[in-house]
């Protein structure tokens, strides 16, 4: 193995629990690069006990002092970007430009955390003569973040900087498929001056997740993954009376009008469906072509065919994922859909053991087909035809998901109409991946999110804190009133 066995991070030390080990693969080659322990309730409890002790001095530290750690951490992310990029590419398979963009986004998220002393400041008002009310925010306590395989550096940083800067202590449970980046996050935060026990890492699978959901001393959990698991985590965590924000899957629709700019639209749609091998919850998975959009589809095909797997697009995460995605394509073709660009059976010279799929475009898909309804999570986009924008919106609204939607058009009126009527938490105009940038929050609707609030930006402040309302009266001349 290229890397030593993954260890948990407890207090100020990396430790090896006596637990079964799971192989960690490089998706580009199929080689085993490390092994990760499958921790359970005992390891979770050990981390919680340490976090409880660390919470007392950390939460008492003024927020302006806490964020100094994150100023230094942001600098370290930037200084180590080449190394972090290479690590993401190795454990996740992303091409270098995508992995680098992920680290840059982590730095942006950390930059927002550095601004929290100004954004999360308390409020004060004289509500009546001699009576003053104020609101101050306090951490919720020991919290946890359960993160997925598709963004091993960025998604942990969706939760870590804000939650910790706001005074909480955290246990991170990274995906067992990509556990290497989490260790470097912990090492860089330690170098930045984060005190022992404020962030800890417990590696594992289902047993570790269940233990985090059940532990009575964990106050809040953030989760990112599939909708099926998000629902399970949300129900189990809230049943234990925890706060939980669980982000699930997506089926993002891009509505393409016939007046859309051909080059911009075709390139953006293909980039959205194929970026990160389609393994992102913001990826385009359904294009709804309104009226005659054949000229745009033709150019999409040209863009997709020009992409080189291994250079322009990385592998999917596992052999099982590749087989699952291939089945979706096979079933759609058998149901009468037309495969315009076929990424099946793709091999990359020198990386024959890798889990590669080429960009795949499937036309003449009907809304009732399985591939049009379920999250495929691969470099695949299906094209559904609609006669007008209202039919396109009915197709989009019928999806149980609601992460993102976009419209490509030159008409401001059409754009506004779609933005108002799309059933999604994040919408775009002429943008293939309508991810809000900081300080705007990331979060979808419907079956793409369970819980209240958002996971990043201003929307995360409410989730990671609890408000204390204080009313004072020092002036005896204020007299007796309804507050007496």
Protein backbone atom coordinates (compact mmCIF):
# COMPACT_ATOMS: atom_id res chain seq x y z
CA UNK A 1 0.00 0.00 0.00
CA UNK A 2 1.17 3.52 -0.75
CA UNK A 3 -0.24 4.87 2.52
CA UNK A 4 -0.17 3.47 6.04
CA UNK A 5 -3.39 2.26 7.60
CA UNK A 6 -5.75 5.11 8.40
CA UNK A 7 -6.02 6.04 12.07
CA UNK A 8 -8.59 7.80 14.19
CA UNK A 9 -7.68 11.20 15.61
CA UNK A 10 -8.52 11.51 19.30
CA UNK A 11 -7.46 14.45 21.42
CA UNK A 12 -4.05 15.34 20.06
CA UNK A 13 -2.97 11.96 18.68
CA UNK A 14 -3.61 9.53 15.85
CA UNK A 15 -4.54 6.09 17.20
CA UNK A 16 -5.29 2.71 15.66
CA UNK A 17 -8.44 1.11 17.05
CA UNK A 18 -8.60 -2.66 17.24
CA UNK A 19 -11.27 -2.90 14.59
CA UNK A 20 -11.75 -4.65 11.23
CA UNK A 21 -10.14 -2.88 8.30
CA UNK A 22 -11.66 -1.96 4.93
CA UNK A 23 -9.59 -1.56 1.78
CA UNK A 24 -9.28 1.94 0.30
CA UNK A 25 -8.92 2.02 -3.50
CA UNK A 26 -7.50 4.45 -6.02
CA UNK A 27 -10.40 4.70 -8.51
CA UNK A 28 -8.05 5.60 -11.37
CA UNK A 29 -6.13 2.34 -11.16
CA UNK A 30 -8.14 0.00 -8.96
CA UNK A 31 -5.13 -0.39 -6.65
CA UNK A 32 -5.47 -0.67 -2.88
CA UNK A 33 -3.74 2.40 -1.41
CA UNK A 34 -4.65 2.08 2.29
CA UNK A 35 -6.99 0.46 4.79
CA UNK A 36 -9.44 2.18 7.10
CA UNK A 37 -10.74 0.98 10.48
CA UNK A 38 -14.46 0.36 10.91
CA UNK A 39 -14.94 2.05 14.27
CA UNK A 40 -18.01 1.62 16.41
CA UNK A 41 -19.75 2.93 19.51
CA UNK A 42 -16.72 2.61 21.80
CA UNK A 43 -14.56 4.79 19.57
CA UNK A 44 -17.34 7.35 19.17
CA UNK A 45 -17.83 7.54 22.91
CA UNK A 46 -14.11 8.00 23.51
CA UNK A 47 -14.11 10.94 21.10
CA UNK A 48 -17.21 12.44 22.70
CA UNK A 49 -15.70 12.36 26.18
CA UNK A 50 -12.62 14.20 24.96
CA UNK A 51 -14.77 16.70 23.04
CA UNK A 52 -16.83 17.45 26.16
CA UNK A 53 -13.69 18.39 28.08
CA UNK A 54 -12.34 20.49 25.21
CA UNK A 55 -15.68 22.28 24.84
CA UNK A 56 -15.37 24.16 28.12
CA UNK A 57 -12.27 26.26 27.36
CA UNK A 58 -12.95 26.47 23.60
CA UNK A 59 -16.49 27.82 23.95
CA UNK A 60 -15.25 30.32 26.55
CA UNK A 61 -12.65 31.67 24.13
CA UNK A 62 -13.85 34.89 22.46
CA UNK A 63 -14.92 34.34 18.88
CA UNK A 64 -12.40 36.89 17.61
CA UNK A 65 -9.66 34.71 19.11
CA UNK A 66 -11.17 31.45 17.84
CA UNK A 67 -11.19 32.64 14.24
CA UNK A 68 -7.46 33.39 14.35
CA UNK A 69 -6.99 29.64 13.96
CA UNK A 70 -8.92 29.76 10.71
CA UNK A 71 -6.97 32.68 9.30
CA UNK A 72 -3.88 30.50 9.69
CA UNK A 73 -5.70 27.40 8.42
CA UNK A 74 -6.76 29.20 5.23
CA UNK A 75 -3.14 30.17 4.61
CA UNK A 76 -2.05 26.55 5.13
CA UNK A 77 -4.70 25.29 2.68
CA UNK A 78 -3.29 27.64 0.08
CA UNK A 79 0.32 26.78 0.86
CA UNK A 80 -0.35 23.02 0.62
CA UNK A 81 -2.73 23.17 -2.33
CA UNK A 82 -0.58 21.03 -4.62
CA UNK A 83 -0.27 18.28 -2.05
CA UNK A 84 -3.96 18.39 -1.12
CA UNK A 85 -4.92 18.36 -4.80
CA UNK A 86 -2.83 15.26 -5.44
CA UNK A 87 -4.34 13.50 -2.42
CA UNK A 88 -7.91 14.17 -3.62
CA UNK A 89 -7.02 12.90 -7.09
CA UNK A 90 -5.55 9.74 -5.62
CA UNK A 91 -8.36 8.74 -3.28
CA UNK A 92 -11.32 10.14 -5.23
CA UNK A 93 -10.14 10.07 -8.85
CA UNK A 94 -10.87 13.70 -9.75
CA UNK A 95 -8.70 15.24 -12.43
CA UNK A 96 -6.20 17.76 -11.06
CA UNK A 97 -8.12 20.92 -12.04
CA UNK A 98 -11.28 19.69 -10.27
CA UNK A 99 -9.35 18.64 -7.16
CA UNK A 100 -7.59 21.99 -7.04
CA UNK A 101 -10.91 23.81 -7.33
CA UNK A 102 -12.16 21.78 -4.37
CA UNK A 103 -9.30 22.98 -2.16
CA UNK A 104 -9.83 26.57 -3.29
CA UNK A 105 -13.49 26.27 -2.29
CA UNK A 106 -12.39 24.99 1.13
CA UNK A 107 -10.28 28.14 1.49
CA UNK A 108 -13.31 30.26 0.56
CA UNK A 109 -15.44 28.49 3.15
CA UNK A 110 -12.75 29.10 5.76
CA UNK A 111 -12.59 32.76 4.77
CA UNK A 112 -16.29 33.07 5.56
CA UNK A 113 -15.69 31.55 9.01
CA UNK A 114 -13.09 34.24 9.63
CA UNK A 115 -15.83 36.86 9.09
CA UNK A 116 -18.15 35.40 11.72
CA UNK A 117 -17.21 37.90 14.47
CA UNK A 118 -18.80 40.59 12.29
CA UNK A 119 -21.70 38.51 10.93
CA UNK A 120 -22.72 36.62 14.08
CA UNK A 121 -22.51 39.60 16.42
CA UNK A 122 -25.25 39.90 19.03
CA UNK A 123 -28.13 42.38 18.97
CA UNK A 124 -29.15 44.96 21.56
CA UNK A 125 -32.08 47.37 21.80
CA UNK A 126 -33.76 49.53 24.43
CA UNK A 127 -37.24 48.05 24.12
CA UNK A 128 -38.89 50.43 26.57
CA UNK A 129 -37.73 53.21 28.88
CA UNK A 130 -34.99 51.80 31.09
CA UNK A 131 -35.38 48.25 29.76
CA UNK A 132 -32.82 46.69 27.44
CA UNK A 133 -33.04 43.43 25.47
CA UNK A 134 -30.10 41.70 23.86
CA UNK A 135 -29.48 38.44 21.99
CA UNK A 136 -26.21 36.54 22.14
CA UNK A 137 -25.32 33.31 20.38
CA UNK A 138 -23.86 30.31 22.16
CA UNK A 139 -22.53 27.04 20.75
CA UNK A 140 -24.82 24.02 20.89
CA UNK A 141 -22.05 21.78 22.26
CA UNK A 142 -20.41 18.62 20.94
CA UNK A 143 -21.45 18.16 17.30
CA UNK A 144 -20.70 15.75 14.46
CA UNK A 145 -20.26 15.89 10.69
CA UNK A 146 -20.75 12.84 8.46
CA UNK A 147 -19.32 13.49 5.01
CA UNK A 148 -19.44 11.71 1.60
CA UNK A 149 -16.86 10.41 -0.87
CA UNK A 150 -17.37 12.91 -3.69
CA UNK A 151 -15.67 15.93 -2.07
CA UNK A 152 -13.20 14.60 0.53
CA UNK A 153 -11.75 18.03 1.31
CA UNK A 154 -14.53 20.52 0.57
CA UNK A 155 -17.56 18.93 2.23
CA UNK A 156 -15.84 18.49 5.61
CA UNK A 157 -15.03 22.19 5.34
CA UNK A 158 -18.71 22.93 4.80
CA UNK A 159 -19.13 22.20 8.52
CA UNK A 160 -15.76 22.36 10.30
CA UNK A 161 -14.81 26.07 10.08
CA UNK A 162 -18.23 27.50 10.93
CA UNK A 163 -19.12 24.99 13.63
CA UNK A 164 -15.77 25.37 15.39
CA UNK A 165 -15.48 29.13 14.96
CA UNK A 166 -18.91 29.42 16.60
CA UNK A 167 -17.57 27.58 19.66
CA UNK A 168 -18.57 23.96 19.20
CA UNK A 169 -16.31 20.92 19.32
CA UNK A 170 -16.71 18.38 16.51
CA UNK A 171 -16.32 14.73 15.62
CA UNK A 172 -15.80 14.16 11.90
CA UNK A 173 -16.78 10.84 10.31
CA UNK A 174 -15.43 10.95 6.75
CA UNK A 175 -16.49 8.51 4.07
CA UNK A 176 -14.66 5.23 4.51
CA UNK A 177 -13.98 5.36 0.76
CA UNK A 178 -11.91 8.57 1.00
CA UNK A 179 -10.43 8.86 4.50
CA UNK A 180 -7.00 10.30 3.60
CA UNK A 181 -7.91 13.97 3.11
CA UNK A 182 -9.55 14.13 6.54
CA UNK A 183 -6.25 13.32 8.23
CA UNK A 184 -4.52 16.20 6.45
CA UNK A 185 -7.34 18.55 7.46
CA UNK A 186 -6.76 17.61 11.10
CA UNK A 187 -2.99 17.99 10.76
CA UNK A 188 -3.28 21.43 9.18
CA UNK A 189 -5.76 22.61 11.82
CA UNK A 190 -3.39 21.41 14.53
CA UNK A 191 -0.57 23.34 12.85
CA UNK A 192 -2.87 26.38 12.73
CA UNK A 193 -3.23 26.24 16.50
CA UNK A 194 -6.52 24.41 17.05
CA UNK A 195 -6.49 23.08 20.64
CA UNK A 196 -6.57 19.30 21.26
CA UNK A 197 -10.02 17.71 21.27
CA UNK A 198 -11.79 20.52 19.40
CA UNK A 199 -11.79 18.45 16.19
CA UNK A 200 -11.53 14.67 16.21
CA UNK A 201 -11.90 12.01 13.54
CA UNK A 202 -13.62 8.66 13.93
CA UNK A 203 -13.39 6.50 10.80
CA UNK A 204 -15.94 3.84 9.99
CA UNK A 205 -19.15 2.93 8.27
CA UNK A 206 -22.73 2.28 9.34
CA UNK A 207 -21.91 1.33 12.93
CA UNK A 208 -20.05 4.60 13.50
CA UNK A 209 -22.88 6.63 11.94
CA UNK A 210 -25.46 4.93 14.14
CA UNK A 211 -23.34 5.55 17.23
CA UNK A 212 -23.09 9.26 16.39
CA UNK A 213 -26.85 9.48 15.90
CA UNK A 214 -27.55 7.69 19.17
CA UNK A 215 -24.98 9.25 21.50
CA UNK A 216 -26.78 11.38 24.12
CA UNK A 217 -23.97 13.92 24.41
CA UNK A 218 -23.89 14.87 20.72
CA UNK A 219 -26.14 17.88 20.22
CA UNK A 220 -26.20 18.28 16.43
CA UNK A 221 -25.26 16.38 13.28
CA UNK A 222 -24.66 17.50 9.71
CA UNK A 223 -24.82 14.82 7.03
CA UNK A 224 -24.21 14.79 3.28
CA UNK A 225 -24.95 11.71 1.16
CA UNK A 226 -27.73 9.90 -0.64
CA UNK A 227 -31.37 10.68 0.07
CA UNK A 228 -32.00 7.16 1.34
CA UNK A 229 -29.30 7.43 3.98
CA UNK A 230 -30.07 11.10 4.70
CA UNK A 231 -33.61 10.11 5.67
CA UNK A 232 -32.33 7.35 7.95
CA UNK A 233 -29.79 9.63 9.63
CA UNK A 234 -32.33 12.43 10.05
CA UNK A 235 -34.94 10.15 11.62
CA UNK A 236 -32.44 8.44 13.91
CA UNK A 237 -30.72 11.64 15.02
CA UNK A 238 -33.94 13.56 15.68
CA UNK A 239 -35.38 10.54 17.49
CA UNK A 240 -32.45 11.04 19.87
CA UNK A 241 -33.56 14.69 20.21
CA UNK A 242 -30.64 16.11 18.23
CA UNK A 243 -30.55 18.86 15.69
CA UNK A 244 -29.91 17.36 12.29
CA UNK A 245 -29.33 18.82 8.86
CA UNK A 246 -29.12 16.00 6.31
CA UNK A 247 -28.46 16.79 2.65
CA UNK A 248 -29.53 14.06 0.25
CA UNK A 249 -29.46 13.34 -3.45
CA UNK A 250 -30.62 15.28 -6.46
CA UNK A 251 -32.07 15.10 -9.94
CA UNK A 252 -31.19 18.50 -11.32
CA UNK A 253 -33.09 19.72 -14.37
CA UNK A 254 -31.67 22.18 -16.90
CA UNK A 255 -34.44 23.76 -18.98
CA UNK A 256 -33.05 24.75 -22.37
CA UNK A 257 -35.06 27.18 -24.48
CA UNK A 258 -34.62 27.35 -28.29
CA UNK A 259 -33.29 30.93 -28.05
CA UNK A 260 -30.43 29.93 -25.74
CA UNK A 261 -26.89 30.77 -26.84
CA UNK A 262 -25.73 27.60 -28.56
CA UNK A 263 -22.07 27.59 -27.58
CA UNK A 264 -22.51 28.77 -24.00
CA UNK A 265 -25.41 26.42 -23.35
CA UNK A 266 -23.91 23.32 -24.91
CA UNK A 267 -20.55 23.74 -23.18
CA UNK A 268 -22.13 24.55 -19.81
CA UNK A 269 -24.55 21.61 -19.91
CA UNK A 270 -21.80 19.13 -20.80
CA UNK A 271 -19.47 20.56 -18.15
CA UNK A 272 -22.24 20.30 -15.56
CA UNK A 273 -23.06 16.67 -16.34
CA UNK A 274 -19.46 15.48 -16.64
CA UNK A 275 -17.57 17.54 -14.04
CA UNK A 276 -16.26 15.37 -11.20
CA UNK A 277 -17.47 12.42 -13.32
CA UNK A 278 -21.04 13.53 -12.56
CA UNK A 279 -20.53 12.65 -8.90
CA UNK A 280 -21.83 15.84 -7.35
CA UNK A 281 -25.26 16.72 -6.08
CA UNK A 282 -25.28 19.81 -8.32
CA UNK A 283 -24.57 17.94 -11.55
CA UNK A 284 -26.99 18.29 -14.45
CA UNK A 285 -28.80 15.00 -14.93
CA UNK A 286 -31.89 15.96 -16.99
CA UNK A 287 -31.97 18.44 -19.84
CA UNK A 288 -35.50 19.49 -20.74
CA UNK A 289 -35.39 20.73 -24.31
CA UNK A 290 -38.24 23.13 -25.02
CA UNK A 291 -39.30 23.24 -28.66
CA UNK A 292 -36.55 22.84 -31.24
CA UNK A 293 -33.22 22.54 -29.45
CA UNK A 294 -31.62 20.06 -31.87
CA UNK A 295 -28.92 22.58 -32.80
CA UNK A 296 -27.86 22.82 -29.16
CA UNK A 297 -27.98 19.05 -28.67
CA UNK A 298 -25.80 18.55 -31.74
CA UNK A 299 -23.15 20.83 -30.26
CA UNK A 300 -23.43 19.06 -26.88
CA UNK A 301 -22.63 15.79 -28.62
CA UNK A 302 -19.54 17.34 -30.21
CA UNK A 303 -18.32 18.66 -26.87
CA UNK A 304 -18.89 15.32 -25.15
CA UNK A 305 -17.16 13.29 -27.86
CA UNK A 306 -14.12 15.56 -27.63
CA UNK A 307 -13.59 14.75 -23.95
CA UNK A 308 -10.80 12.32 -23.13
CA UNK A 309 -11.36 10.04 -20.10
CA UNK A 310 -8.34 10.09 -17.86
CA UNK A 311 -7.48 13.62 -18.99
CA UNK A 312 -10.72 15.62 -19.12
CA UNK A 313 -12.82 13.38 -16.89
CA UNK A 314 -11.86 11.12 -14.01
CA UNK A 315 -13.24 7.72 -12.97
CA UNK A 316 -16.28 7.06 -10.84
CA UNK A 317 -15.58 6.02 -7.28
CA UNK A 318 -15.82 2.22 -7.53
CA UNK A 319 -16.42 -0.77 -9.75
CA UNK A 320 -19.86 -1.12 -8.17
CA UNK A 321 -20.72 2.48 -9.07
CA UNK A 322 -19.64 1.91 -12.67
CA UNK A 323 -21.79 -1.21 -12.93
CA UNK A 324 -24.80 0.57 -11.43
CA UNK A 325 -24.52 3.52 -13.81
CA UNK A 326 -24.10 1.19 -16.78
CA UNK A 327 -27.30 -0.63 -15.83
CA UNK A 328 -29.22 2.65 -15.92
CA UNK A 329 -27.96 3.31 -19.46
CA UNK A 330 -28.72 -0.25 -20.59
CA UNK A 331 -32.27 -0.08 -19.23
CA UNK A 332 -32.97 3.30 -20.86
CA UNK A 333 -31.73 2.05 -24.22
CA UNK A 334 -33.91 -1.05 -23.98
CA UNK A 335 -36.89 1.18 -23.13
CA UNK A 336 -36.49 3.09 -26.39
CA UNK A 337 -34.16 5.96 -25.53
CA UNK A 338 -31.46 6.90 -28.04
CA UNK A 339 -27.85 6.94 -26.84
CA UNK A 340 -26.17 9.82 -28.68
CA UNK A 341 -22.83 9.58 -26.89
CA UNK A 342 -21.95 6.25 -25.26
CA UNK A 343 -19.46 6.20 -22.39
CA UNK A 344 -19.86 2.52 -21.57
CA UNK A 345 -16.93 0.11 -21.85
CA UNK A 346 -14.46 2.96 -21.67
CA UNK A 347 -10.81 2.03 -21.11
CA UNK A 348 -7.93 4.40 -20.41
CA UNK A 349 -4.55 3.24 -21.70
CA UNK A 350 -2.26 2.47 -18.80
CA UNK A 351 -5.19 2.60 -16.34
CA UNK A 352 -7.15 -0.44 -17.45
CA UNK A 353 -8.02 -1.24 -13.84
CA UNK A 354 -9.64 2.13 -13.28
CA UNK A 355 -13.38 2.68 -12.96
CA UNK A 356 -13.89 4.88 -16.01
CA UNK A 357 -17.06 5.90 -17.81
CA UNK A 358 -17.09 8.40 -20.65
CA UNK A 359 -19.63 11.24 -20.95
CA UNK A 360 -23.00 9.81 -21.97
CA UNK A 361 -25.88 11.70 -23.59
CA UNK A 362 -29.23 9.95 -23.98
CA UNK A 363 -32.03 11.50 -26.05
CA UNK A 364 -35.74 10.71 -26.39
CA UNK A 365 -36.09 9.84 -22.71
CA UNK A 366 -39.60 10.02 -21.27
CA UNK A 367 -40.28 11.32 -17.76
CA UNK A 368 -41.55 7.92 -16.59
CA UNK A 369 -38.26 6.15 -17.33
CA UNK A 370 -36.20 5.10 -14.33
CA UNK A 371 -33.14 7.01 -15.55
CA UNK A 372 -35.20 10.22 -15.66
CA UNK A 373 -36.45 9.80 -12.10
CA UNK A 374 -33.57 8.40 -10.01
CA UNK A 375 -30.19 9.85 -9.15
CA UNK A 376 -27.61 8.17 -11.39
CA UNK A 377 -24.55 9.97 -9.94
CA UNK A 378 -22.36 9.56 -12.98
CA UNK A 379 -21.39 11.42 -16.19
CA UNK A 380 -24.80 10.86 -17.76
CA UNK A 381 -27.43 13.35 -18.92
CA UNK A 382 -30.81 12.46 -20.35
CA UNK A 383 -32.80 14.67 -22.69
CA UNK A 384 -36.55 14.98 -22.24
CA UNK A 385 -38.57 16.97 -24.77
CA UNK A 386 -41.24 19.55 -23.85
CA UNK A 387 -43.48 21.67 -26.06
CA UNK A 388 -43.36 24.78 -23.86
CA UNK A 389 -41.88 26.14 -20.65
CA UNK A 390 -44.92 25.18 -18.56
CA UNK A 391 -44.59 21.54 -19.58
CA UNK A 392 -40.88 21.73 -18.79
CA UNK A 393 -41.66 23.08 -15.32
CA UNK A 394 -44.25 20.34 -14.73
CA UNK A 395 -41.54 17.78 -15.50
CA UNK A 396 -39.11 19.50 -13.12
CA UNK A 397 -41.72 19.95 -10.39
CA UNK A 398 -42.68 16.26 -10.56
CA UNK A 399 -39.26 15.19 -9.31
CA UNK A 400 -39.22 14.37 -5.59
CA UNK A 401 -35.82 16.06 -5.35
CA UNK A 402 -35.22 19.78 -5.23
CA UNK A 403 -31.54 20.56 -5.08
CA UNK A 404 -30.95 22.67 -8.19
CA UNK A 405 -32.51 23.79 -11.46
CA UNK A 406 -31.38 26.08 -14.24
CA UNK A 407 -32.74 27.69 -17.37
CA UNK A 408 -30.80 28.62 -20.50
CA UNK A 409 -32.43 31.44 -22.42
CA UNK A 410 -31.88 34.96 -23.76
CA UNK A 411 -35.28 36.08 -22.39
CA UNK A 412 -35.33 37.82 -19.04
CA UNK A 413 -39.05 37.16 -18.70
CA UNK A 414 -38.67 33.42 -19.25
CA UNK A 415 -35.71 33.31 -16.88
CA UNK A 416 -37.67 35.00 -14.10
CA UNK A 417 -40.68 32.75 -14.70
CA UNK A 418 -38.57 29.61 -14.32
CA UNK A 419 -36.76 30.92 -11.24
CA UNK A 420 -40.09 31.64 -9.55
CA UNK A 421 -41.73 28.32 -10.45
CA UNK A 422 -38.90 25.75 -10.27
CA UNK A 423 -39.18 23.51 -7.22
CA UNK A 424 -35.55 23.74 -6.13
CA UNK A 425 -33.57 25.47 -3.42
CA UNK A 426 -30.86 26.68 -5.80
CA UNK A 427 -31.70 28.00 -9.26
CA UNK A 428 -29.63 29.50 -12.05
CA UNK A 429 -29.90 31.35 -15.35
CA UNK A 430 -27.42 30.31 -18.04
CA UNK A 431 -25.40 28.55 -15.29
CA UNK A 432 -24.94 24.79 -15.37
CA UNK A 433 -23.99 24.46 -11.70
CA UNK A 434 -25.87 27.14 -9.73
CA UNK A 435 -23.89 26.78 -6.49
CA UNK A 436 -24.19 29.90 -4.32
CA UNK A 437 -20.86 31.46 -3.37
CA UNK A 438 -20.15 32.61 0.18
CA UNK A 439 -21.79 34.24 2.09
CA UNK A 440 -24.87 32.79 0.41
CA UNK A 441 -25.92 29.42 1.78
CA UNK A 442 -25.93 25.98 0.16
CA UNK A 443 -29.08 23.91 0.54
CA UNK A 444 -31.87 22.37 -1.49
CA UNK A 445 -35.56 21.62 -1.06
CA UNK A 446 -37.85 18.59 -0.90
CA UNK A 447 -36.07 15.22 -0.76
CA UNK A 448 -32.71 16.88 -1.24
CA UNK A 449 -32.65 18.26 2.31
CA UNK A 450 -34.01 17.19 5.67
CA UNK A 451 -33.92 19.68 8.50
CA UNK A 452 -34.11 23.45 8.83
CA UNK A 453 -31.47 25.90 7.63
CA UNK A 454 -28.53 25.51 5.30
CA UNK A 455 -25.12 23.93 5.74
CA UNK A 456 -22.93 26.87 4.71
CA UNK A 457 -22.93 30.66 4.79
CA UNK A 458 -25.24 32.75 6.91
CA UNK A 459 -27.80 29.95 7.01
CA UNK A 460 -25.44 27.78 9.03
CA UNK A 461 -25.15 30.19 11.95
CA UNK A 462 -28.60 29.34 13.27
CA UNK A 463 -27.88 25.62 13.05
CA UNK A 464 -24.56 25.69 14.90
CA UNK A 465 -25.65 28.09 17.66
CA UNK A 466 -28.46 28.67 20.12
CA UNK A 467 -29.71 32.13 20.98
CA UNK A 468 -29.84 33.43 24.53
CA UNK A 469 -32.19 36.38 25.06
CA UNK A 470 -31.34 38.71 27.95
CA UNK A 471 -33.53 41.45 29.41
CA UNK A 472 -32.18 43.92 31.95
CA UNK A 473 -33.59 46.85 33.92
CA UNK A 474 -31.25 48.97 36.04
CA UNK A 475 -33.28 52.17 36.17
CA UNK A 476 -35.70 52.11 39.11
CA UNK A 477 -37.50 55.05 37.57
CA UNK A 478 -38.62 52.77 34.75
CA UNK A 479 -41.45 51.83 37.07
CA UNK A 480 -43.74 48.85 37.02
CA UNK A 481 -44.86 47.59 33.65
CA UNK A 482 -45.85 44.36 31.95
CA UNK A 483 -42.26 43.05 32.28
CA UNK A 484 -42.23 43.36 36.08
